[in-house]
Amino acid sequence: HSDLGPRGLKQLVDNLGSGSAWKILAVTVLTSLSASDLE
């Protein structure tokens, strides 16, 4: 989840290493959420 924040995301990716077999994708905003939900 992208809500780990910039430091949390970087710490996680750095620890996995650039040669990791995984492609790490960050979830931005769930497609079930509307503008009123976000407000």
All heavy atoms as atom14 arrays in JSON, in Angstrom:
{
  "sequence": "HSDLGPRGLKQLVDNLGSGSAWKILAVTVLTSLSASDLE",
  "atom14_mask": [
    [1, 1, 1, 1, 1, 1, 1, 1, 1, 1, 0, 0, 0, 0],
    [1, 1, 1, 1, 1, 1, 0, 0, 0, 0, 0, 0, 0, 0],
    [1, 1, 1, 1, 1, 1, 1, 1, 0, 0, 0, 0, 0, 0],
    [1, 1, 1, 1, 1, 1, 1, 1, 0, 0, 0, 0, 0, 0],
    [1, 1, 1, 1, 0, 0, 0, 0, 0, 0, 0, 0, 0, 0],
    [1, 1, 1, 1, 1, 1, 1, 0, 0, 0, 0, 0, 0, 0],
    [1, 1, 1, 1, 1, 1, 1, 1, 1, 1, 1, 0, 0, 0],
    [1, 1, 1, 1, 0, 0, 0, 0, 0, 0, 0, 0, 0, 0],
    [1, 1, 1, 1, 1, 1, 1, 1, 0, 0, 0, 0, 0, 0],
    [1, 1, 1, 1, 1, 1, 1, 1, 1, 0, 0, 0, 0, 0],
    [1, 1, 1, 1, 1, 1, 1, 1, 1, 0, 0, 0, 0, 0],
    [1, 1, 1, 1, 1, 1, 1, 1, 0, 0, 0, 0, 0, 0],
    [1, 1, 1, 1, 1, 1, 1, 0, 0, 0, 0, 0, 0, 0],
    [1, 1, 1, 1, 1, 1, 1, 1, 0, 0, 0, 0, 0, 0],
    [1, 1, 1, 1, 1, 1, 1, 1, 0, 0, 0, 0, 0, 0],
    [1, 1, 1, 1, 1, 1, 1, 1, 0, 0, 0, 0, 0, 0],
    [1, 1, 1, 1, 0, 0, 0, 0, 0, 0, 0, 0, 0, 0],
    [1, 1, 1, 1, 1, 1, 0, 0, 0, 0, 0, 0, 0, 0],
    [1, 1, 1, 1, 0, 0, 0, 0, 0, 0, 0, 0, 0, 0],
    [1, 1, 1, 1, 1, 1, 0, 0, 0, 0, 0, 0, 0, 0],
    [1, 1, 1, 1, 1, 0, 0, 0, 0, 0, 0, 0, 0, 0],
    [1, 1, 1, 1, 1, 1, 1, 1, 1, 1, 1, 1, 1, 1],
    [1, 1, 1, 1, 1, 1, 1, 1, 1, 0, 0, 0, 0, 0],
    [1, 1, 1, 1, 1, 1, 1, 1, 0, 0, 0, 0, 0, 0],
    [1, 1, 1, 1, 1, 1, 1, 1, 0, 0, 0, 0, 0, 0],
    [1, 1, 1, 1, 1, 0, 0, 0, 0, 0, 0, 0, 0, 0],
    [1, 1, 1, 1, 1, 1, 1, 0, 0, 0, 0, 0, 0, 0],
    [1, 1, 1, 1, 1, 1, 1, 0, 0, 0, 0, 0, 0, 0],
    [1, 1, 1, 1, 1, 1, 1, 0, 0, 0, 0, 0, 0, 0],
    [1, 1, 1, 1, 1, 1, 1, 1, 0, 0, 0, 0, 0, 0],
    [1, 1, 1, 1, 1, 1, 1, 0, 0, 0, 0, 0, 0, 0],
    [1, 1, 1, 1, 1, 1, 0, 0, 0, 0, 0, 0, 0, 0],
    [1, 1, 1, 1, 1, 1, 1, 1, 0, 0, 0, 0, 0, 0],
    [1, 1, 1, 1, 1, 1, 0, 0, 0, 0, 0, 0, 0, 0],
    [1, 1, 1, 1, 1, 0, 0, 0, 0, 0, 0, 0, 0, 0],
    [1, 1, 1, 1, 1, 1, 0, 0, 0, 0, 0, 0, 0, 0],
    [1, 1, 1, 1, 1, 1, 1, 1, 0, 0, 0, 0, 0, 0],
    [1, 1, 1, 1, 1, 1, 1, 1, 0, 0, 0, 0, 0, 0],
    [1, 1, 1, 1, 1, 1, 1, 1, 1, 0, 0, 0, 0, 0]
  ],
  "atom14_positions": [
    [[0.83, -1.2, 0.0], [0.0, 0.0, 0.0], [0.87, 1.25, 0.0], [1.83, 1.34, 0.76], [-0.95, 0.01, 1.2], [-2.22, 0.75, 0.9], [-2.25, 2.12, 0.75], [-3.48, 0.32, 0.68], [-3.49, 2.5, 0.47], [-4.25, 1.43, 0.4], [0.0, 0.0, 0.0], [0.0, 0.0, 0.0], [0.0, 0.0, 0.0], [0.0, 0.0, 0.0]],
    [[0.51, 2.21, -0.84], [1.27, 3.45, -0.92], [1.24, 4.24, 0.38], [2.1, 5.09, 0.62], [0.73, 4.33, -2.06], [-0.63, 4.67, -1.82], [0.0, 0.0, 0.0], [0.0, 0.0, 0.0], [0.0, 0.0, 0.0], [0.0, 0.0, 0.0], [0.0, 0.0, 0.0], [0.0, 0.0, 0.0], [0.0, 0.0, 0.0], [0.0, 0.0, 0.0]],
    [[0.26, 3.96, 1.25], [0.16, 4.69, 2.5], [1.26, 4.33, 3.49], [1.3, 4.88, 4.6], [-1.22, 4.48, 3.15], [-2.3, 5.28, 2.45], [-1.96, 6.06, 1.54], [-3.49, 5.15, 2.81], [0.0, 0.0, 0.0], [0.0, 0.0, 0.0], [0.0, 0.0, 0.0], [0.0, 0.0, 0.0], [0.0, 0.0, 0.0], [0.0, 0.0, 0.0]],
    [[2.16, 3.4, 3.12], [3.36, 3.22, 3.93], [4.18, 4.51, 3.96], [5.02, 4.7, 4.85], [4.24, 2.1, 3.36], [3.96, 0.68, 3.87], [2.73, 0.09, 3.21], [5.15, -0.23, 3.59], [0.0, 0.0, 0.0], [0.0, 0.0, 0.0], [0.0, 0.0, 0.0], [0.0, 0.0, 0.0], [0.0, 0.0, 0.0], [0.0, 0.0, 0.0]],
    [[3.94, 5.38, 2.98], [4.64, 6.66, 2.94], [5.98, 6.56, 2.24], [6.5, 5.47, 2.01], [0.0, 0.0, 0.0], [0.0, 0.0, 0.0], [0.0, 0.0, 0.0], [0.0, 0.0, 0.0], [0.0, 0.0, 0.0], [0.0, 0.0, 0.0], [0.0, 0.0, 0.0], [0.0, 0.0, 0.0], [0.0, 0.0, 0.0], [0.0, 0.0, 0.0]],
    [[6.56, 7.71, 1.89], [7.8, 7.69, 1.1], [8.95, 6.97, 1.79], [9.68, 6.21, 1.15], [8.11, 9.18, 0.89], [7.26, 9.93, 1.86], [6.06, 9.08, 2.11], [0.0, 0.0, 0.0], [0.0, 0.0, 0.0], [0.0, 0.0, 0.0], [0.0, 0.0, 0.0], [0.0, 0.0, 0.0], [0.0, 0.0, 0.0], [0.0, 0.0, 0.0]],
    [[9.14, 7.18, 3.09], [10.24, 6.51, 3.78], [10.0, 5.02, 3.9], [10.9, 4.2, 3.71], [10.45, 7.12, 5.17], [11.14, 8.49, 5.15], [11.39, 8.99, 6.56], [10.12, 9.12, 7.29], [10.03, 9.28, 8.61], [11.12, 9.29, 9.36], [8.86, 9.43, 9.2], [0.0, 0.0, 0.0], [0.0, 0.0, 0.0], [0.0, 0.0, 0.0]],
    [[8.74, 4.65, 4.23], [8.41, 3.24, 4.37], [8.54, 2.48, 3.06], [9.07, 1.37, 3.01], [0.0, 0.0, 0.0], [0.0, 0.0, 0.0], [0.0, 0.0, 0.0], [0.0, 0.0, 0.0], [0.0, 0.0, 0.0], [0.0, 0.0, 0.0], [0.0, 0.0, 0.0], [0.0, 0.0, 0.0], [0.0, 0.0, 0.0], [0.0, 0.0, 0.0]],
    [[8.07, 3.1, 1.98], [8.18, 2.47, 0.66], [9.65, 2.28, 0.27], [10.05, 1.21, -0.19], [7.48, 3.34, -0.39], [5.94, 3.4, -0.34], [5.44, 4.49, -1.28], [5.32, 2.06, -0.71], [0.0, 0.0, 0.0], [0.0, 0.0, 0.0], [0.0, 0.0, 0.0], [0.0, 0.0, 0.0], [0.0, 0.0, 0.0], [0.0, 0.0, 0.0]],
    [[10.44, 3.33, 0.48], [11.86, 3.23, 0.09], [12.6, 2.2, 0.95], [13.42, 1.42, 0.43], [12.53, 4.6, 0.21], [13.94, 4.61, -0.38], [14.53, 6.0, -0.4], [15.83, 6.03, -1.19], [16.77, 4.99, -0.83], [0.0, 0.0, 0.0], [0.0, 0.0, 0.0], [0.0, 0.0, 0.0], [0.0, 0.0, 0.0], [0.0, 0.0, 0.0]],
    [[12.31, 2.19, 2.23], [12.96, 1.22, 3.11], [12.65, -0.2, 2.68], [13.52, -1.07, 2.63], [12.49, 1.44, 4.56], [13.15, 0.5, 5.56], [12.65, 0.74, 6.97], [12.13, 1.81, 7.3], [12.8, -0.26, 7.83], [0.0, 0.0, 0.0], [0.0, 0.0, 0.0], [0.0, 0.0, 0.0], [0.0, 0.0, 0.0], [0.0, 0.0, 0.0]],
    [[11.39, -0.42, 2.3], [10.98, -1.76, 1.88], [11.67, -2.16, 0.58], [12.24, -3.25, 0.48], [9.46, -1.78, 1.71], [8.85, -3.1, 1.26], [9.12, -4.2, 2.27], [7.35, -2.94, 1.04], [0.0, 0.0, 0.0], [0.0, 0.0, 0.0], [0.0, 0.0, 0.0], [0.0, 0.0, 0.0], [0.0, 0.0, 0.0], [0.0, 0.0, 0.0]],
    [[11.63, -1.28, -0.41], [12.23, -1.59, -1.71], [13.74, -1.77, -1.57], [14.33, -2.69, -2.15], [11.89, -0.49, -2.74], [12.65, -0.73, -4.05], [10.39, -0.45, -3.0], [0.0, 0.0, 0.0], [0.0, 0.0, 0.0], [0.0, 0.0, 0.0], [0.0, 0.0, 0.0], [0.0, 0.0, 0.0], [0.0, 0.0, 0.0], [0.0, 0.0, 0.0]],
    [[14.39, -0.92, -0.79], [15.84, -1.03, -0.6], [16.21, -2.35, 0.04], [17.22, -2.97, -0.31], [16.36, 0.13, 0.26], [16.39, 1.45, -0.5], [16.19, 1.44, -1.73], [16.6, 2.49, 0.15], [0.0, 0.0, 0.0], [0.0, 0.0, 0.0], [0.0, 0.0, 0.0], [0.0, 0.0, 0.0], [0.0, 0.0, 0.0], [0.0, 0.0, 0.0]],
    [[15.42, -2.81, 0.99], [15.72, -4.06, 1.68], [15.5, -5.27, 0.79], [16.16, -6.3, 0.96], [14.89, -4.19, 2.96], [15.53, -3.49, 4.14], [16.53, -3.94, 4.68], [14.97, -2.35, 4.52], [0.0, 0.0, 0.0], [0.0, 0.0, 0.0], [0.0, 0.0, 0.0], [0.0, 0.0, 0.0], [0.0, 0.0, 0.0], [0.0, 0.0, 0.0]],
    [[14.57, -5.16, -0.16], [14.36, -6.27, -1.1], [15.49, -6.34, -2.12], [15.79, -7.41, -2.64], [13.02, -6.1, -1.82], [11.78, -6.44, -0.99], [10.52, -6.01, -1.71], [11.73, -7.93, -0.68], [0.0, 0.0, 0.0], [0.0, 0.0, 0.0], [0.0, 0.0, 0.0], [0.0, 0.0, 0.0], [0.0, 0.0, 0.0], [0.0, 0.0, 0.0]],
    [[16.09, -5.19, -2.41], [17.22, -5.18, -3.33], [16.8, -4.95, -4.76], [15.72, -5.38, -5.19], [0.0, 0.0, 0.0], [0.0, 0.0, 0.0], [0.0, 0.0, 0.0], [0.0, 0.0, 0.0], [0.0, 0.0, 0.0], [0.0, 0.0, 0.0], [0.0, 0.0, 0.0], [0.0, 0.0, 0.0], [0.0, 0.0, 0.0], [0.0, 0.0, 0.0]],
    [[17.65, -4.29, -5.5], [17.32, -3.94, -6.89], [17.25, -5.17, -7.78], [16.62, -5.16, -8.83], [18.36, -2.96, -7.45], [19.65, -3.54, -7.39], [0.0, 0.0, 0.0], [0.0, 0.0, 0.0], [0.0, 0.0, 0.0], [0.0, 0.0, 0.0], [0.0, 0.0, 0.0], [0.0, 0.0, 0.0], [0.0, 0.0, 0.0], [0.0, 0.0, 0.0]],
    [[17.88, -6.25, -7.37], [17.87, -7.46, -8.19], [16.74, -8.41, -7.83], [16.72, -9.55, -8.29], [0.0, 0.0, 0.0], [0.0, 0.0, 0.0], [0.0, 0.0, 0.0], [0.0, 0.0, 0.0], [0.0, 0.0, 0.0], [0.0, 0.0, 0.0], [0.0, 0.0, 0.0], [0.0, 0.0, 0.0], [0.0, 0.0, 0.0], [0.0, 0.0, 0.0]],
    [[15.78, -7.95, -7.04], [14.68, -8.8, -6.61], [13.86, -9.3, -7.79], [13.68, -8.6, -8.78], [13.77, -8.01, -5.66], [12.58, -8.71, -5.41], [0.0, 0.0, 0.0], [0.0, 0.0, 0.0], [0.0, 0.0, 0.0], [0.0, 0.0, 0.0], [0.0, 0.0, 0.0], [0.0, 0.0, 0.0], [0.0, 0.0, 0.0], [0.0, 0.0, 0.0]],
    [[13.39, -10.53, -7.68], [12.57, -11.1, -8.75], [11.17, -10.5, -8.77], [10.47, -10.57, -9.78], [12.48, -12.61, -8.58], [0.0, 0.0, 0.0], [0.0, 0.0, 0.0], [0.0, 0.0, 0.0], [0.0, 0.0, 0.0], [0.0, 0.0, 0.0], [0.0, 0.0, 0.0], [0.0, 0.0, 0.0], [0.0, 0.0, 0.0], [0.0, 0.0, 0.0]],
    [[10.76, -9.91, -7.65], [9.41, -9.35, -7.58], [9.36, -7.98, -8.23], [10.29, -7.19, -8.11], [8.97, -9.21, -6.13], [8.9, -10.47, -5.36], [7.97, -11.46, -5.46], [9.82, -10.91, -4.36], [8.24, -12.47, -4.59], [9.38, -12.17, -3.9], [10.98, -10.37, -3.81], [10.05, -12.88, -2.91], [11.65, -11.08, -2.84], [11.19, -12.32, -2.39]],
    [[8.25, -7.7, -8.87], [7.94, -6.34, -9.26], [6.97, -5.81, -8.21], [5.87, -6.33, -8.06], [7.32, -6.3, -10.66], [8.34, -6.57, -11.77], [7.69, -6.41, -13.13], [8.74, -6.48, -14.24], [9.41, -7.77, -14.31], [0.0, 0.0, 0.0], [0.0, 0.0, 0.0], [0.0, 0.0, 0.0], [0.0, 0.0, 0.0], [0.0, 0.0, 0.0]],
    [[7.39, -4.81, -7.46], [6.59, -4.28, -6.37], [5.71, -3.15, -6.89], [6.2, -2.16, -7.44], [7.48, -3.76, -5.23], [8.4, -4.87, -4.71], [6.62, -3.2, -4.09], [7.67, -6.04, -4.1], [0.0, 0.0, 0.0], [0.0, 0.0, 0.0], [0.0, 0.0, 0.0], [0.0, 0.0, 0.0], [0.0, 0.0, 0.0], [0.0, 0.0, 0.0]],
    [[4.42, -3.32, -6.72], [3.45, -2.31, -7.14], [2.79, -1.69, -5.92], [2.39, -2.39, -4.99], [2.36, -2.94, -8.02], [2.82, -3.74, -9.24], [1.6, -4.29, -9.97], [3.65, -2.87, -10.18], [0.0, 0.0, 0.0], [0.0, 0.0, 0.0], [0.0, 0.0, 0.0], [0.0, 0.0, 0.0], [0.0, 0.0, 0.0], [0.0, 0.0, 0.0]],
    [[2.66, -0.37, -5.92], [2.01, 0.33, -4.83], [0.55, 0.61, -5.19], [0.25, 1.11, -6.27], [2.72, 1.64, -4.54], [0.0, 0.0, 0.0], [0.0, 0.0, 0.0], [0.0, 0.0, 0.0], [0.0, 0.0, 0.0], [0.0, 0.0, 0.0], [0.0, 0.0, 0.0], [0.0, 0.0, 0.0], [0.0, 0.0, 0.0], [0.0, 0.0, 0.0]],
    [[-0.34, 0.27, -4.28], [-1.76, 0.56, -4.47], [-1.97, 2.04, -4.18], [-1.56, 2.54, -3.13], [-2.63, -0.3, -3.53], [-4.1, 0.07, -3.67], [-2.41, -1.77, -3.82], [0.0, 0.0, 0.0], [0.0, 0.0, 0.0], [0.0, 0.0, 0.0], [0.0, 0.0, 0.0], [0.0, 0.0, 0.0], [0.0, 0.0, 0.0], [0.0, 0.0, 0.0]],
    [[-2.62, 2.75, -5.1], [-2.82, 4.19, -4.92], [-4.14, 4.46, -4.21], [-4.18, 4.66, -3.01], [-2.75, 4.91, -6.27], [-3.69, 4.3, -7.19], [-1.34, 4.84, -6.86], [0.0, 0.0, 0.0], [0.0, 0.0, 0.0], [0.0, 0.0, 0.0], [0.0, 0.0, 0.0], [0.0, 0.0, 0.0], [0.0, 0.0, 0.0], [0.0, 0.0, 0.0]],
    [[-5.24, 4.44, -4.97], [-6.58, 4.68, -4.41], [-7.48, 3.55, -4.89], [-7.6, 3.33, -6.11], [-7.15, 6.04, -4.86], [-8.55, 6.24, -4.3], [-6.23, 7.18, -4.41], [0.0, 0.0, 0.0], [0.0, 0.0, 0.0], [0.0, 0.0, 0.0], [0.0, 0.0, 0.0], [0.0, 0.0, 0.0], [0.0, 0.0, 0.0], [0.0, 0.0, 0.0]],
    [[-8.1, 2.83, -3.98], [-8.95, 1.71, -4.37], [-10.02, 2.15, -5.36], [-10.61, 3.23, -5.22], [-9.63, 1.11, -3.13], [-8.72, 0.47, -2.08], [-9.55, -0.01, -0.9], [-7.92, -0.68, -2.66], [0.0, 0.0, 0.0], [0.0, 0.0, 0.0], [0.0, 0.0, 0.0], [0.0, 0.0, 0.0], [0.0, 0.0, 0.0], [0.0, 0.0, 0.0]],
    [[-10.28, 1.3, -6.35], [-11.27, 1.65, -7.37], [-12.7, 1.62, -6.83], [-13.63, 2.05, -7.51], [-11.17, 0.7, -8.58], [-11.16, -0.66, -8.11], [-9.89, 0.96, -9.35], [0.0, 0.0, 0.0], [0.0, 0.0, 0.0], [0.0, 0.0, 0.0], [0.0, 0.0, 0.0], [0.0, 0.0, 0.0], [0.0, 0.0, 0.0], [0.0, 0.0, 0.0]],
    [[-12.88, 1.13, -5.61], [-14.2, 1.14, -4.98], [-14.5, 2.47, -4.3], [-15.63, 2.71, -3.86], [-14.31, 0.02, -3.95], [-13.33, 0.17, -2.94], [0.0, 0.0, 0.0], [0.0, 0.0, 0.0], [0.0, 0.0, 0.0], [0.0, 0.0, 0.0], [0.0, 0.0, 0.0], [0.0, 0.0, 0.0], [0.0, 0.0, 0.0], [0.0, 0.0, 0.0]],
    [[-13.49, 3.36, -4.2], [-13.67, 4.64, -3.52], [-14.09, 5.73, -4.5], [-13.52, 5.88, -5.57], [-12.38, 5.06, -2.82], [-11.91, 4.19, -1.65], [-10.56, 4.67, -1.13], [-12.94, 4.18, -0.53], [0.0, 0.0, 0.0], [0.0, 0.0, 0.0], [0.0, 0.0, 0.0], [0.0, 0.0, 0.0], [0.0, 0.0, 0.0], [0.0, 0.0, 0.0]],
    [[-15.09, 6.5, -4.08], [-15.56, 7.63, -4.87], [-15.02, 8.92, -4.28], [-14.39, 8.93, -3.21], [-17.09, 7.67, -4.85], [-17.56, 7.92, -3.53], [0.0, 0.0, 0.0], [0.0, 0.0, 0.0], [0.0, 0.0, 0.0], [0.0, 0.0, 0.0], [0.0, 0.0, 0.0], [0.0, 0.0, 0.0], [0.0, 0.0, 0.0], [0.0, 0.0, 0.0]],
    [[-15.29, 10.03, -4.94], [-14.86, 11.33, -4.43], [-15.46, 11.62, -3.06], [-14.8, 12.14, -2.16], [-15.24, 12.43, -5.43], [0.0, 0.0, 0.0], [0.0, 0.0, 0.0], [0.0, 0.0, 0.0], [0.0, 0.0, 0.0], [0.0, 0.0, 0.0], [0.0, 0.0, 0.0], [0.0, 0.0, 0.0], [0.0, 0.0, 0.0], [0.0, 0.0, 0.0]],
    [[-16.74, 11.26, -2.87], [-17.38, 11.5, -1.58], [-16.75, 10.64, -0.48], [-16.63, 11.08, 0.67], [-18.89, 11.23, -1.67], [-19.15, 9.89, -2.06], [0.0, 0.0, 0.0], [0.0, 0.0, 0.0], [0.0, 0.0, 0.0], [0.0, 0.0, 0.0], [0.0, 0.0, 0.0], [0.0, 0.0, 0.0], [0.0, 0.0, 0.0], [0.0, 0.0, 0.0]],
    [[-16.32, 9.44, -0.82], [-15.63, 8.59, 0.15], [-14.32, 9.25, 0.59], [-14.0, 9.28, 1.79], [-15.31, 7.21, -0.45], [-16.54, 6.36, -0.7], [-17.47, 6.42, 0.11], [-16.56, 5.64, -1.71], [0.0, 0.0, 0.0], [0.0, 0.0, 0.0], [0.0, 0.0, 0.0], [0.0, 0.0, 0.0], [0.0, 0.0, 0.0], [0.0, 0.0, 0.0]],
    [[-13.58, 9.76, -0.37], [-12.29, 10.38, -0.05], [-12.49, 11.63, 0.81], [-11.7, 11.89, 1.72], [-11.55, 10.73, -1.34], [-11.1, 9.54, -2.19], [-10.56, 10.01, -3.53], [-10.04, 8.72, -1.46], [0.0, 0.0, 0.0], [0.0, 0.0, 0.0], [0.0, 0.0, 0.0], [0.0, 0.0, 0.0], [0.0, 0.0, 0.0], [0.0, 0.0, 0.0]],
    [[-13.54, 12.38, 0.53], [-13.82, 13.56, 1.33], [-14.17, 13.17, 2.76], [-13.7, 13.78, 3.72], [-14.97, 14.36, 0.7], [-15.03, 15.8, 1.16], [-15.8, 16.68, 0.21], [-16.45, 16.16, -0.72], [-15.76, 17.91, 0.41], [0.0, 0.0, 0.0], [0.0, 0.0, 0.0], [0.0, 0.0, 0.0], [0.0, 0.0, 0.0], [0.0, 0.0, 0.0]]
  ]
}
